N, C-alpha and C. Protein backbone atom coordinates (compact mmCIF):
# COMPACT_ATOMS: atom_id res chain seq x y z
N MET A 1 22.62 -4.65 54.86
CA MET A 1 23.02 -5.75 53.94
C MET A 1 23.53 -5.11 52.67
N LYS A 2 24.69 -5.46 52.29
CA LYS A 2 25.32 -4.84 51.06
C LYS A 2 24.95 -5.58 49.86
N LYS A 3 24.55 -4.94 48.80
CA LYS A 3 24.18 -5.52 47.53
C LYS A 3 25.24 -5.23 46.52
N ASN A 4 25.58 -6.17 45.60
CA ASN A 4 26.55 -5.98 44.55
C ASN A 4 25.75 -5.94 43.26
N PHE A 5 26.03 -4.88 42.47
CA PHE A 5 25.31 -4.87 41.17
C PHE A 5 26.39 -5.18 40.09
N LYS A 6 25.99 -6.02 39.17
CA LYS A 6 26.94 -6.41 38.11
C LYS A 6 26.78 -5.47 36.90
N HIS A 7 27.77 -4.95 36.41
CA HIS A 7 27.73 -4.10 35.21
C HIS A 7 27.67 -5.10 33.93
N ILE A 8 26.63 -4.84 33.13
CA ILE A 8 26.50 -5.75 31.90
C ILE A 8 26.97 -4.96 30.74
N ARG A 9 27.78 -5.66 29.92
CA ARG A 9 28.33 -5.12 28.72
C ARG A 9 27.70 -5.88 27.52
N ILE A 10 27.26 -5.09 26.54
CA ILE A 10 26.73 -5.71 25.31
C ILE A 10 27.72 -5.64 24.23
N SER A 11 28.02 -6.77 23.65
CA SER A 11 29.04 -6.83 22.53
C SER A 11 28.36 -6.19 21.31
N LYS A 12 29.23 -5.86 20.33
CA LYS A 12 28.68 -5.35 19.02
C LYS A 12 27.79 -6.43 18.34
N GLY A 13 28.18 -7.70 18.45
CA GLY A 13 27.39 -8.74 17.92
C GLY A 13 25.98 -8.80 18.47
N LYS A 14 25.94 -8.73 19.88
CA LYS A 14 24.67 -8.71 20.53
C LYS A 14 23.85 -7.51 20.24
N ALA A 15 24.59 -6.38 20.11
CA ALA A 15 23.88 -5.09 19.75
C ALA A 15 23.08 -5.21 18.41
N ARG A 16 23.74 -5.93 17.47
CA ARG A 16 23.12 -6.04 16.19
C ARG A 16 21.80 -6.87 16.28
N VAL A 17 21.72 -7.80 17.21
CA VAL A 17 20.53 -8.57 17.35
C VAL A 17 19.46 -7.76 18.01
N VAL A 18 19.81 -6.89 19.07
CA VAL A 18 18.82 -6.03 19.65
C VAL A 18 18.32 -5.01 18.77
N CYS A 19 19.14 -4.54 17.89
CA CYS A 19 18.75 -3.48 17.02
C CYS A 19 19.51 -3.69 15.64
N PRO A 20 18.82 -4.38 14.69
CA PRO A 20 19.55 -4.76 13.49
C PRO A 20 20.12 -3.61 12.66
N ILE A 21 19.42 -2.44 12.71
CA ILE A 21 19.91 -1.30 12.00
C ILE A 21 20.68 -0.40 12.98
N PHE A 22 21.81 -0.95 13.45
CA PHE A 22 22.51 -0.43 14.63
C PHE A 22 23.81 0.38 14.24
N GLU A 23 24.64 -0.32 13.44
CA GLU A 23 25.92 0.26 13.11
C GLU A 23 25.93 0.85 11.74
N GLU A 24 26.23 2.11 11.64
CA GLU A 24 26.23 2.79 10.33
C GLU A 24 27.26 2.20 9.42
N SER A 25 28.34 1.63 9.94
CA SER A 25 29.36 1.00 9.04
C SER A 25 28.92 -0.26 8.35
N LYS A 26 27.76 -0.86 8.86
CA LYS A 26 27.28 -2.13 8.34
C LYS A 26 26.30 -2.01 7.16
N TYR A 27 25.97 -0.80 6.73
CA TYR A 27 25.04 -0.63 5.54
C TYR A 27 25.76 -1.14 4.27
N PRO A 28 25.06 -1.67 3.32
CA PRO A 28 23.58 -1.68 3.25
C PRO A 28 22.94 -2.83 3.97
N TYR A 29 21.64 -2.70 4.33
CA TYR A 29 20.86 -3.77 4.87
C TYR A 29 19.63 -4.03 3.90
N GLN A 30 19.09 -5.17 4.16
CA GLN A 30 17.77 -5.51 3.34
C GLN A 30 16.73 -5.96 4.33
N GLY A 31 15.53 -5.75 3.87
CA GLY A 31 14.39 -6.23 4.76
C GLY A 31 13.27 -6.75 3.84
N ILE A 32 12.67 -7.90 4.28
CA ILE A 32 11.53 -8.36 3.61
C ILE A 32 10.49 -8.79 4.65
N GLY A 33 9.19 -8.58 4.18
CA GLY A 33 8.10 -8.85 5.12
C GLY A 33 6.75 -8.70 4.56
N ILE A 34 5.86 -8.27 5.41
CA ILE A 34 4.43 -8.15 5.01
C ILE A 34 3.83 -6.74 5.49
N LYS A 35 2.97 -6.19 4.71
CA LYS A 35 2.27 -4.97 5.04
C LYS A 35 0.78 -5.26 5.12
N LEU A 36 0.17 -4.72 6.16
CA LEU A 36 -1.31 -4.90 6.34
C LEU A 36 -1.92 -3.49 6.20
N GLY A 37 -2.93 -3.44 5.27
CA GLY A 37 -3.52 -2.20 5.00
C GLY A 37 -3.94 -2.13 3.60
N ASP A 38 -3.73 -0.94 2.92
CA ASP A 38 -4.06 -0.76 1.64
C ASP A 38 -2.83 -0.21 0.82
N PRO A 39 -2.19 -1.11 0.11
CA PRO A 39 -2.50 -2.51 -0.17
C PRO A 39 -2.08 -3.52 0.89
N PHE A 40 -2.65 -4.69 0.92
CA PHE A 40 -2.14 -5.79 1.61
C PHE A 40 -1.02 -6.45 0.73
N ALA A 41 0.19 -6.41 1.25
CA ALA A 41 1.27 -6.67 0.27
C ALA A 41 2.47 -7.32 0.91
N LEU A 42 3.28 -7.94 0.07
CA LEU A 42 4.65 -8.35 0.36
C LEU A 42 5.46 -7.09 0.25
N THR A 43 6.42 -6.87 1.09
CA THR A 43 7.19 -5.62 1.08
C THR A 43 8.73 -5.92 1.18
N TYR A 44 9.48 -5.25 0.32
CA TYR A 44 10.96 -5.35 0.34
C TYR A 44 11.52 -3.96 0.42
N LYS A 45 12.56 -3.86 1.26
CA LYS A 45 13.25 -2.61 1.47
C LYS A 45 14.77 -2.74 1.41
N PHE A 46 15.39 -1.92 0.68
CA PHE A 46 16.85 -1.92 0.52
C PHE A 46 17.30 -0.68 1.28
N TYR A 47 18.04 -0.86 2.36
CA TYR A 47 18.60 0.28 3.11
C TYR A 47 20.01 0.59 2.57
N ALA A 48 20.08 1.36 1.55
CA ALA A 48 21.37 1.69 0.91
C ALA A 48 22.29 2.51 1.78
N HIS A 49 21.75 3.37 2.59
CA HIS A 49 22.50 4.22 3.40
C HIS A 49 21.63 4.58 4.66
N LYS A 50 22.25 5.12 5.71
CA LYS A 50 21.46 5.43 6.88
C LYS A 50 20.34 6.52 6.56
N ASN A 51 20.46 7.24 5.46
CA ASN A 51 19.47 8.22 5.22
C ASN A 51 18.66 7.92 3.92
N PHE A 52 19.07 6.92 3.15
CA PHE A 52 18.34 6.68 1.86
C PHE A 52 17.99 5.10 1.81
N ALA A 53 16.81 4.92 1.21
CA ALA A 53 16.44 3.49 1.05
C ALA A 53 15.39 3.43 -0.18
N ILE A 54 15.14 2.21 -0.60
CA ILE A 54 14.25 1.96 -1.68
C ILE A 54 13.22 0.89 -1.16
N ALA A 55 11.95 1.03 -1.34
CA ALA A 55 11.01 0.05 -0.98
C ALA A 55 10.17 -0.29 -2.17
N ILE A 56 9.80 -1.62 -2.21
CA ILE A 56 8.92 -2.17 -3.30
C ILE A 56 7.88 -2.96 -2.63
N ASP A 57 6.62 -2.68 -2.86
CA ASP A 57 5.50 -3.40 -2.34
C ASP A 57 4.62 -4.02 -3.45
N GLY A 58 4.19 -5.17 -3.29
CA GLY A 58 3.34 -5.83 -4.29
C GLY A 58 2.26 -6.68 -3.65
N GLY A 59 1.00 -6.39 -3.96
CA GLY A 59 -0.05 -7.16 -3.37
C GLY A 59 -1.40 -6.66 -3.88
N THR A 60 -2.47 -6.85 -3.03
CA THR A 60 -3.79 -6.59 -3.51
C THR A 60 -4.40 -5.51 -2.74
N ALA A 61 -5.16 -4.60 -3.44
CA ALA A 61 -5.83 -3.48 -2.77
C ALA A 61 -6.90 -3.94 -1.85
N ALA A 62 -7.20 -3.15 -0.86
CA ALA A 62 -8.31 -3.31 0.10
C ALA A 62 -9.62 -2.94 -0.66
N SER A 63 -10.09 -3.87 -1.45
CA SER A 63 -11.25 -3.57 -2.37
C SER A 63 -12.41 -3.01 -1.74
N GLY A 64 -12.68 -3.37 -0.44
CA GLY A 64 -13.84 -2.90 0.25
C GLY A 64 -13.82 -1.43 0.48
N LEU A 65 -12.62 -0.85 0.54
CA LEU A 65 -12.45 0.59 0.66
C LEU A 65 -12.77 1.35 -0.64
N TYR A 66 -12.88 0.66 -1.75
CA TYR A 66 -13.15 1.27 -3.05
C TYR A 66 -14.46 0.96 -3.61
N ASN A 67 -15.41 0.45 -2.73
CA ASN A 67 -16.80 0.07 -3.24
C ASN A 67 -17.47 1.30 -3.87
N GLN A 68 -17.40 2.49 -3.09
CA GLN A 68 -18.14 3.61 -3.59
C GLN A 68 -17.55 4.11 -4.94
N TYR A 69 -16.16 4.03 -5.00
CA TYR A 69 -15.57 4.47 -6.23
C TYR A 69 -15.88 3.60 -7.37
N HIS A 70 -15.87 2.21 -7.22
CA HIS A 70 -16.18 1.36 -8.35
C HIS A 70 -17.67 1.53 -8.67
N ARG A 71 -18.47 1.80 -7.67
CA ARG A 71 -19.95 2.04 -7.96
C ARG A 71 -20.10 3.28 -8.85
N GLY A 72 -19.38 4.30 -8.44
CA GLY A 72 -19.48 5.54 -9.31
C GLY A 72 -18.89 5.45 -10.69
N ASN A 73 -18.10 4.48 -10.96
CA ASN A 73 -17.46 4.29 -12.27
C ASN A 73 -18.39 3.59 -13.22
N PHE A 74 -19.55 3.03 -12.76
CA PHE A 74 -20.45 2.22 -13.60
C PHE A 74 -20.78 3.02 -14.97
N GLU A 75 -21.26 4.25 -14.72
CA GLU A 75 -21.69 5.05 -15.91
C GLU A 75 -20.60 5.31 -16.88
N LYS A 76 -19.37 5.37 -16.42
CA LYS A 76 -18.19 5.61 -17.33
C LYS A 76 -18.04 4.36 -18.25
N PHE A 77 -18.40 3.20 -17.77
CA PHE A 77 -18.19 2.05 -18.62
C PHE A 77 -19.46 1.61 -19.44
N THR A 78 -20.47 2.42 -19.34
CA THR A 78 -21.65 2.12 -20.23
C THR A 78 -21.87 3.29 -21.18
N ASN A 79 -22.43 2.88 -22.24
CA ASN A 79 -22.67 3.73 -23.36
C ASN A 79 -24.17 4.03 -23.54
N ALA A 80 -24.71 5.12 -22.99
CA ALA A 80 -26.20 5.30 -23.14
C ALA A 80 -26.62 5.60 -24.62
N ASP A 81 -25.71 6.01 -25.41
CA ASP A 81 -26.00 6.36 -26.88
C ASP A 81 -26.52 5.07 -27.54
N THR A 82 -26.15 3.86 -27.08
CA THR A 82 -26.50 2.68 -27.80
C THR A 82 -27.89 2.18 -27.40
N LEU A 83 -28.54 2.87 -26.45
CA LEU A 83 -29.84 2.42 -26.05
C LEU A 83 -30.89 2.95 -26.92
N GLY A 84 -31.98 2.16 -27.00
CA GLY A 84 -33.13 2.67 -27.87
C GLY A 84 -33.97 3.70 -27.16
N GLU A 85 -34.99 4.12 -27.83
CA GLU A 85 -35.89 5.17 -27.25
C GLU A 85 -36.55 4.58 -26.03
N ARG A 86 -36.62 5.34 -24.92
CA ARG A 86 -37.32 5.00 -23.72
C ARG A 86 -36.61 3.74 -22.94
N GLN A 87 -35.43 3.48 -23.43
CA GLN A 87 -34.70 2.42 -22.71
C GLN A 87 -33.69 3.08 -21.73
N SER A 88 -33.41 2.36 -20.65
CA SER A 88 -32.45 2.95 -19.65
C SER A 88 -31.67 1.80 -19.02
N ILE A 89 -30.55 2.10 -18.58
CA ILE A 89 -29.74 1.09 -17.86
C ILE A 89 -29.35 1.61 -16.47
N SER A 90 -29.40 0.72 -15.51
CA SER A 90 -29.16 1.14 -14.13
C SER A 90 -28.23 0.12 -13.43
N TYR A 91 -27.45 0.60 -12.50
CA TYR A 91 -26.51 -0.24 -11.73
C TYR A 91 -27.24 -1.14 -10.76
N LEU A 92 -26.82 -2.42 -10.61
CA LEU A 92 -27.33 -3.27 -9.66
C LEU A 92 -26.27 -3.61 -8.61
N SER A 93 -25.06 -4.15 -9.07
CA SER A 93 -24.03 -4.57 -8.13
C SER A 93 -22.75 -4.66 -9.02
N HIS A 94 -21.70 -4.94 -8.14
CA HIS A 94 -20.41 -5.19 -8.85
C HIS A 94 -19.62 -6.21 -8.03
N LEU A 95 -18.73 -6.94 -8.68
CA LEU A 95 -17.89 -7.94 -8.01
C LEU A 95 -16.47 -7.68 -8.42
N VAL A 96 -15.57 -7.42 -7.60
CA VAL A 96 -14.16 -7.22 -7.86
C VAL A 96 -13.49 -8.64 -7.92
N LYS A 97 -13.05 -9.01 -9.09
CA LYS A 97 -12.41 -10.30 -9.26
C LYS A 97 -10.91 -10.26 -8.83
N SER A 98 -10.23 -9.21 -9.11
CA SER A 98 -8.89 -8.89 -8.66
C SER A 98 -8.58 -7.47 -8.74
N GLU A 99 -7.72 -7.05 -7.89
CA GLU A 99 -7.24 -5.54 -7.87
C GLU A 99 -5.77 -5.55 -7.31
N TRP A 100 -4.87 -5.65 -8.26
CA TRP A 100 -3.45 -5.90 -7.86
C TRP A 100 -2.74 -4.52 -7.86
N VAL A 101 -1.78 -4.34 -6.98
CA VAL A 101 -1.06 -3.15 -6.78
C VAL A 101 0.44 -3.48 -6.76
N LEU A 102 1.27 -2.67 -7.49
CA LEU A 102 2.73 -2.80 -7.39
C LEU A 102 3.29 -1.35 -7.33
N GLU A 103 4.15 -1.08 -6.34
CA GLU A 103 4.65 0.26 -6.22
C GLU A 103 6.17 0.20 -5.80
N GLY A 104 6.91 1.26 -6.24
CA GLY A 104 8.21 1.41 -5.88
C GLY A 104 8.38 2.84 -5.33
N LYS A 105 9.25 3.00 -4.19
CA LYS A 105 9.38 4.25 -3.59
C LYS A 105 10.79 4.52 -3.17
N PHE A 106 11.19 5.74 -3.38
CA PHE A 106 12.52 6.17 -2.92
C PHE A 106 12.34 7.00 -1.57
N LEU A 107 13.09 6.68 -0.55
CA LEU A 107 12.84 7.17 0.77
C LEU A 107 14.02 7.93 1.37
N TYR A 108 13.78 8.97 2.04
CA TYR A 108 14.78 9.67 2.83
C TYR A 108 14.37 9.52 4.26
N GLN A 109 15.31 9.02 5.06
CA GLN A 109 15.17 8.60 6.45
C GLN A 109 15.98 9.52 7.37
N GLN A 110 15.50 9.74 8.61
CA GLN A 110 16.23 10.36 9.63
C GLN A 110 15.92 9.72 10.96
N ASN A 111 16.90 9.76 11.82
CA ASN A 111 16.71 9.19 13.21
C ASN A 111 15.77 10.02 13.98
N ALA A 112 14.89 9.41 14.83
CA ALA A 112 14.00 10.04 15.73
C ALA A 112 14.24 9.54 17.12
N THR A 113 15.47 9.25 17.42
CA THR A 113 15.87 8.63 18.76
C THR A 113 15.62 9.49 19.89
N LYS A 114 15.47 10.82 19.71
CA LYS A 114 15.11 11.75 20.78
C LYS A 114 13.67 11.43 21.32
N LEU A 115 12.82 10.88 20.39
CA LEU A 115 11.47 10.47 20.78
C LEU A 115 11.49 9.09 21.30
N LEU A 116 12.18 8.17 20.72
CA LEU A 116 12.18 6.76 21.08
C LEU A 116 13.41 6.12 20.46
N LYS A 117 14.12 5.40 21.31
CA LYS A 117 15.32 4.64 20.81
C LYS A 117 14.93 3.68 19.81
N GLY A 118 15.64 3.75 18.61
CA GLY A 118 15.44 2.80 17.53
C GLY A 118 14.36 3.27 16.54
N LEU A 119 13.84 4.52 16.76
CA LEU A 119 12.81 5.05 15.88
C LEU A 119 13.40 5.86 14.80
N GLN A 120 12.90 5.81 13.55
CA GLN A 120 13.19 6.66 12.51
C GLN A 120 11.91 7.14 11.79
N TRP A 121 11.98 8.30 11.20
CA TRP A 121 10.93 8.80 10.33
C TRP A 121 11.43 8.98 8.91
N TYR A 122 10.50 8.80 7.98
CA TYR A 122 10.89 8.95 6.59
C TYR A 122 9.83 9.47 5.71
N ILE A 123 10.30 10.12 4.63
CA ILE A 123 9.36 10.62 3.63
C ILE A 123 9.90 10.18 2.30
N GLY A 124 9.05 10.12 1.28
CA GLY A 124 9.51 9.65 -0.02
C GLY A 124 8.44 9.80 -1.10
N ALA A 125 8.87 9.33 -2.28
CA ALA A 125 7.98 9.53 -3.49
C ALA A 125 8.24 8.34 -4.32
N GLY A 126 7.22 7.90 -5.14
CA GLY A 126 7.43 6.80 -6.04
C GLY A 126 6.29 6.67 -7.08
N TRP A 127 6.16 5.48 -7.57
CA TRP A 127 5.17 5.27 -8.67
C TRP A 127 4.40 3.99 -8.36
N GLN A 128 3.09 4.06 -8.66
CA GLN A 128 2.23 2.91 -8.41
C GLN A 128 1.59 2.40 -9.68
N TRP A 129 1.57 1.13 -9.86
CA TRP A 129 0.69 0.48 -10.98
C TRP A 129 -0.38 -0.30 -10.37
N ARG A 130 -1.56 -0.26 -11.00
CA ARG A 130 -2.81 -0.88 -10.49
C ARG A 130 -3.53 -1.62 -11.67
N THR A 131 -3.89 -2.86 -11.37
CA THR A 131 -4.63 -3.56 -12.40
C THR A 131 -6.04 -3.95 -11.78
N LEU A 132 -7.12 -3.86 -12.50
CA LEU A 132 -8.44 -4.17 -11.95
C LEU A 132 -9.18 -5.01 -12.94
N SER A 133 -9.77 -6.07 -12.31
CA SER A 133 -10.76 -6.95 -13.06
C SER A 133 -12.01 -6.93 -12.24
N ILE A 134 -13.13 -6.35 -12.85
CA ILE A 134 -14.32 -6.24 -12.08
C ILE A 134 -15.53 -6.63 -13.01
N GLU A 135 -16.60 -7.18 -12.40
CA GLU A 135 -17.76 -7.54 -13.12
C GLU A 135 -19.03 -6.68 -12.61
N TYR A 136 -19.68 -6.01 -13.53
CA TYR A 136 -20.89 -5.23 -13.17
C TYR A 136 -22.13 -6.01 -13.50
N GLU A 137 -23.13 -5.89 -12.61
CA GLU A 137 -24.43 -6.39 -13.02
C GLU A 137 -25.37 -5.19 -13.06
N TYR A 138 -26.22 -5.20 -14.16
CA TYR A 138 -27.03 -4.01 -14.39
C TYR A 138 -28.52 -4.47 -14.78
N LEU A 139 -29.37 -3.51 -14.68
CA LEU A 139 -30.75 -3.70 -15.07
C LEU A 139 -31.09 -2.85 -16.31
N LEU A 140 -31.51 -3.56 -17.38
CA LEU A 140 -31.83 -2.85 -18.59
C LEU A 140 -33.38 -2.71 -18.69
N ASP A 141 -33.81 -1.52 -18.69
CA ASP A 141 -35.27 -1.26 -18.72
C ASP A 141 -35.67 -1.08 -20.23
N LEU A 142 -36.36 -2.02 -20.77
CA LEU A 142 -36.81 -2.02 -22.18
C LEU A 142 -38.24 -1.42 -22.25
N ARG A 143 -38.75 -1.51 -23.47
CA ARG A 143 -40.19 -0.93 -23.66
C ARG A 143 -41.14 -1.78 -22.99
N PHE A 144 -42.27 -1.24 -22.86
CA PHE A 144 -43.58 -1.92 -22.35
C PHE A 144 -43.32 -2.68 -20.98
N ASN A 145 -42.57 -1.96 -20.12
CA ASN A 145 -42.34 -2.49 -18.76
C ASN A 145 -41.54 -3.83 -18.76
N GLU A 146 -40.71 -4.00 -19.76
CA GLU A 146 -40.03 -5.24 -19.84
C GLU A 146 -38.52 -4.91 -19.37
N THR A 147 -38.04 -5.77 -18.58
CA THR A 147 -36.71 -5.52 -17.98
C THR A 147 -35.82 -6.65 -18.16
N GLU A 148 -34.51 -6.47 -18.23
CA GLU A 148 -33.52 -7.54 -18.44
C GLU A 148 -32.34 -7.38 -17.62
N ILE A 149 -31.79 -8.35 -16.97
CA ILE A 149 -30.62 -8.25 -16.25
C ILE A 149 -29.34 -8.72 -16.96
N GLY A 150 -28.36 -7.95 -16.98
CA GLY A 150 -27.14 -8.34 -17.72
C GLY A 150 -25.85 -8.10 -16.86
N ARG A 151 -24.74 -8.56 -17.51
CA ARG A 151 -23.46 -8.36 -16.81
C ARG A 151 -22.45 -7.98 -17.83
N PHE A 152 -21.38 -7.32 -17.46
CA PHE A 152 -20.27 -7.09 -18.30
C PHE A 152 -19.06 -6.94 -17.42
N ASP A 153 -17.86 -7.31 -18.02
CA ASP A 153 -16.57 -7.28 -17.32
C ASP A 153 -15.76 -6.04 -17.84
N VAL A 154 -14.98 -5.50 -16.82
CA VAL A 154 -14.01 -4.47 -17.15
C VAL A 154 -12.70 -4.87 -16.64
N ASN A 155 -11.62 -4.74 -17.48
CA ASN A 155 -10.27 -5.05 -17.17
C ASN A 155 -9.39 -3.75 -17.51
N ASN A 156 -8.73 -3.24 -16.64
CA ASN A 156 -7.92 -1.97 -17.00
C ASN A 156 -6.57 -1.96 -16.17
N LEU A 157 -5.69 -1.17 -16.66
CA LEU A 157 -4.45 -0.87 -15.98
C LEU A 157 -4.32 0.57 -15.85
N THR A 158 -3.97 1.10 -14.65
CA THR A 158 -3.70 2.46 -14.43
C THR A 158 -2.47 2.67 -13.56
N MET A 159 -2.10 3.89 -13.38
CA MET A 159 -0.89 4.15 -12.68
C MET A 159 -0.80 5.62 -12.26
N GLY A 160 0.14 5.99 -11.43
CA GLY A 160 0.30 7.35 -10.97
C GLY A 160 1.38 7.48 -9.83
N PRO A 161 1.65 8.72 -9.47
CA PRO A 161 2.71 8.97 -8.48
C PRO A 161 2.17 8.74 -7.10
N THR A 162 3.08 8.48 -6.18
CA THR A 162 2.70 8.43 -4.75
C THR A 162 3.67 9.22 -3.85
N GLY A 163 3.18 9.70 -2.85
CA GLY A 163 4.03 10.32 -1.78
C GLY A 163 3.77 9.62 -0.47
N VAL A 164 4.76 9.47 0.40
CA VAL A 164 4.63 8.68 1.54
C VAL A 164 5.32 9.45 2.78
N LEU A 165 4.74 9.23 3.93
CA LEU A 165 5.27 9.64 5.21
C LEU A 165 5.12 8.51 6.17
N GLY A 166 6.21 8.19 6.92
CA GLY A 166 6.14 7.01 7.82
C GLY A 166 7.08 7.06 8.95
N PHE A 167 6.91 6.04 9.88
CA PHE A 167 7.88 5.83 10.95
C PHE A 167 8.22 4.33 10.96
N GLU A 168 9.50 4.05 11.28
CA GLU A 168 10.00 2.75 11.37
C GLU A 168 10.71 2.50 12.77
N TYR A 169 10.49 1.45 13.36
CA TYR A 169 11.00 1.18 14.61
C TYR A 169 11.79 -0.15 14.56
N ALA A 170 12.99 -0.15 15.07
CA ALA A 170 13.84 -1.37 14.94
C ALA A 170 14.75 -1.49 16.26
N TYR A 171 14.13 -1.91 17.34
CA TYR A 171 14.81 -2.07 18.56
C TYR A 171 14.22 -3.30 19.32
N PHE A 172 14.27 -4.39 18.66
CA PHE A 172 13.65 -5.63 19.27
C PHE A 172 14.65 -6.70 19.61
N GLN A 173 14.21 -7.76 20.30
CA GLN A 173 15.16 -8.91 20.53
C GLN A 173 15.45 -9.72 19.32
N LEU A 174 14.65 -9.55 18.27
CA LEU A 174 14.91 -10.22 16.98
C LEU A 174 15.24 -9.21 15.86
N PRO A 175 15.92 -9.63 14.85
CA PRO A 175 16.30 -8.77 13.75
C PRO A 175 15.12 -8.37 12.86
N ILE A 176 14.18 -7.61 13.39
CA ILE A 176 12.97 -7.20 12.61
C ILE A 176 12.76 -5.71 12.84
N SER A 177 12.02 -5.03 11.90
CA SER A 177 11.64 -3.75 12.06
C SER A 177 10.17 -3.63 11.80
N ALA A 178 9.46 -2.71 12.51
CA ALA A 178 8.08 -2.49 12.42
C ALA A 178 7.90 -1.04 11.78
N PHE A 179 6.94 -0.81 10.92
CA PHE A 179 6.71 0.42 10.32
C PHE A 179 5.18 0.68 10.22
N ILE A 180 4.91 1.98 10.13
CA ILE A 180 3.54 2.52 9.93
C ILE A 180 3.69 3.65 8.95
N GLU A 181 2.88 3.73 7.97
CA GLU A 181 3.00 4.82 6.94
C GLU A 181 1.64 5.12 6.32
N ILE A 182 1.58 6.39 5.82
CA ILE A 182 0.46 6.82 5.08
C ILE A 182 0.91 7.43 3.78
N GLU A 183 0.13 7.07 2.64
CA GLU A 183 0.54 7.52 1.33
C GLU A 183 -0.60 8.30 0.67
N MET A 184 -0.21 8.99 -0.38
CA MET A 184 -1.25 9.66 -1.23
C MET A 184 -0.92 9.22 -2.67
N TYR A 185 -1.99 8.70 -3.28
CA TYR A 185 -1.82 8.22 -4.63
C TYR A 185 -2.68 9.11 -5.55
N ALA A 186 -2.11 9.40 -6.80
CA ALA A 186 -2.84 10.19 -7.74
C ALA A 186 -2.85 9.53 -9.10
N ASP A 187 -4.09 9.18 -9.59
CA ASP A 187 -4.14 8.53 -10.91
C ASP A 187 -3.90 9.50 -12.06
N VAL A 188 -3.16 9.00 -13.03
CA VAL A 188 -2.76 9.93 -14.24
C VAL A 188 -3.24 9.29 -15.47
N LEU A 189 -3.79 8.07 -15.45
CA LEU A 189 -4.05 7.37 -16.67
C LEU A 189 -5.57 7.11 -16.88
N GLU A 190 -6.13 6.22 -15.97
CA GLU A 190 -7.56 5.80 -16.22
C GLU A 190 -8.51 6.84 -15.70
N ASP A 191 -8.18 7.59 -14.61
CA ASP A 191 -9.05 8.56 -14.07
C ASP A 191 -8.20 9.76 -13.60
N PRO A 192 -7.67 10.49 -14.50
CA PRO A 192 -6.83 11.64 -14.12
C PRO A 192 -7.43 12.61 -13.21
N GLY A 193 -6.60 12.88 -12.09
CA GLY A 193 -7.13 13.83 -11.12
C GLY A 193 -7.62 13.12 -9.92
N TRP A 194 -7.92 11.77 -9.95
CA TRP A 194 -8.47 11.13 -8.77
C TRP A 194 -7.34 10.86 -7.87
N THR A 195 -7.51 11.16 -6.60
CA THR A 195 -6.49 10.91 -5.57
C THR A 195 -7.10 10.00 -4.44
N ARG A 196 -6.18 9.30 -3.73
CA ARG A 196 -6.64 8.42 -2.68
C ARG A 196 -5.62 8.34 -1.61
N PHE A 197 -5.99 8.34 -0.34
CA PHE A 197 -5.14 8.14 0.76
C PHE A 197 -4.98 6.53 0.98
N GLN A 198 -3.80 6.06 1.14
CA GLN A 198 -3.46 4.70 1.41
C GLN A 198 -2.54 4.59 2.54
N GLY A 199 -2.24 3.35 2.86
CA GLY A 199 -1.24 3.22 4.05
C GLY A 199 -1.41 1.90 4.80
N GLY A 200 -0.64 1.70 5.79
CA GLY A 200 -0.72 0.47 6.55
C GLY A 200 0.33 0.39 7.49
N ILE A 201 0.36 -0.83 8.20
CA ILE A 201 1.49 -1.20 9.13
C ILE A 201 2.12 -2.39 8.70
N GLY A 202 3.30 -2.69 9.11
CA GLY A 202 4.00 -3.97 8.67
C GLY A 202 5.22 -4.23 9.46
N LEU A 203 5.68 -5.41 9.17
CA LEU A 203 7.00 -6.02 9.76
C LEU A 203 7.85 -6.47 8.64
N ARG A 204 9.18 -6.25 8.77
CA ARG A 204 10.20 -6.85 7.94
C ARG A 204 11.29 -7.49 8.75
N VAL A 205 11.79 -8.56 8.20
CA VAL A 205 12.93 -9.24 8.79
C VAL A 205 14.14 -8.60 8.04
N VAL A 206 15.16 -8.09 8.90
CA VAL A 206 16.21 -7.32 8.36
C VAL A 206 17.50 -8.16 8.43
N PHE A 207 18.25 -8.07 7.28
CA PHE A 207 19.45 -8.92 7.21
C PHE A 207 20.45 -8.18 6.40
């Protein structure tokens, strides 16, 4: 029994749907979407050229990952010199009211189609701004076995450079791209020398 196989041709228009970042002559592209991780953010990317892009993320930090760090900062925000003789202050708990993050990154991209069609890898550097509003609860040990529970609020702004390494995949039936990335942040204002790994996964609609 003879079988006939039909040769299927994909037009350029269809190709753009299958892989939105498909034709080098069509740059620049733009993408907007969501990033899950640290931070949980809205994300925008401007694909200026096949090898260069700018990304801007804005959202909230994964505060649960910073519990130990915020706990350790309690003593920095208290002044033991104001205590009387035999008085002491100790940490009880803290509540993060908000922890917002905004960052911008310049990216260099290269195709990784030898590994997987539609795959790119990228590296980059940028700057991150962070705002924190946190409430600490403490125990004040007074004289004669008398104790008192108190609270105080801390609001601060800090910032620092970031470095990023990631992969982006754009070969779907829809004009979207998926990405995964890891970042390194270094504080230069509020806690100079403190570093933190960040990152996440996300999706962007590309147009």
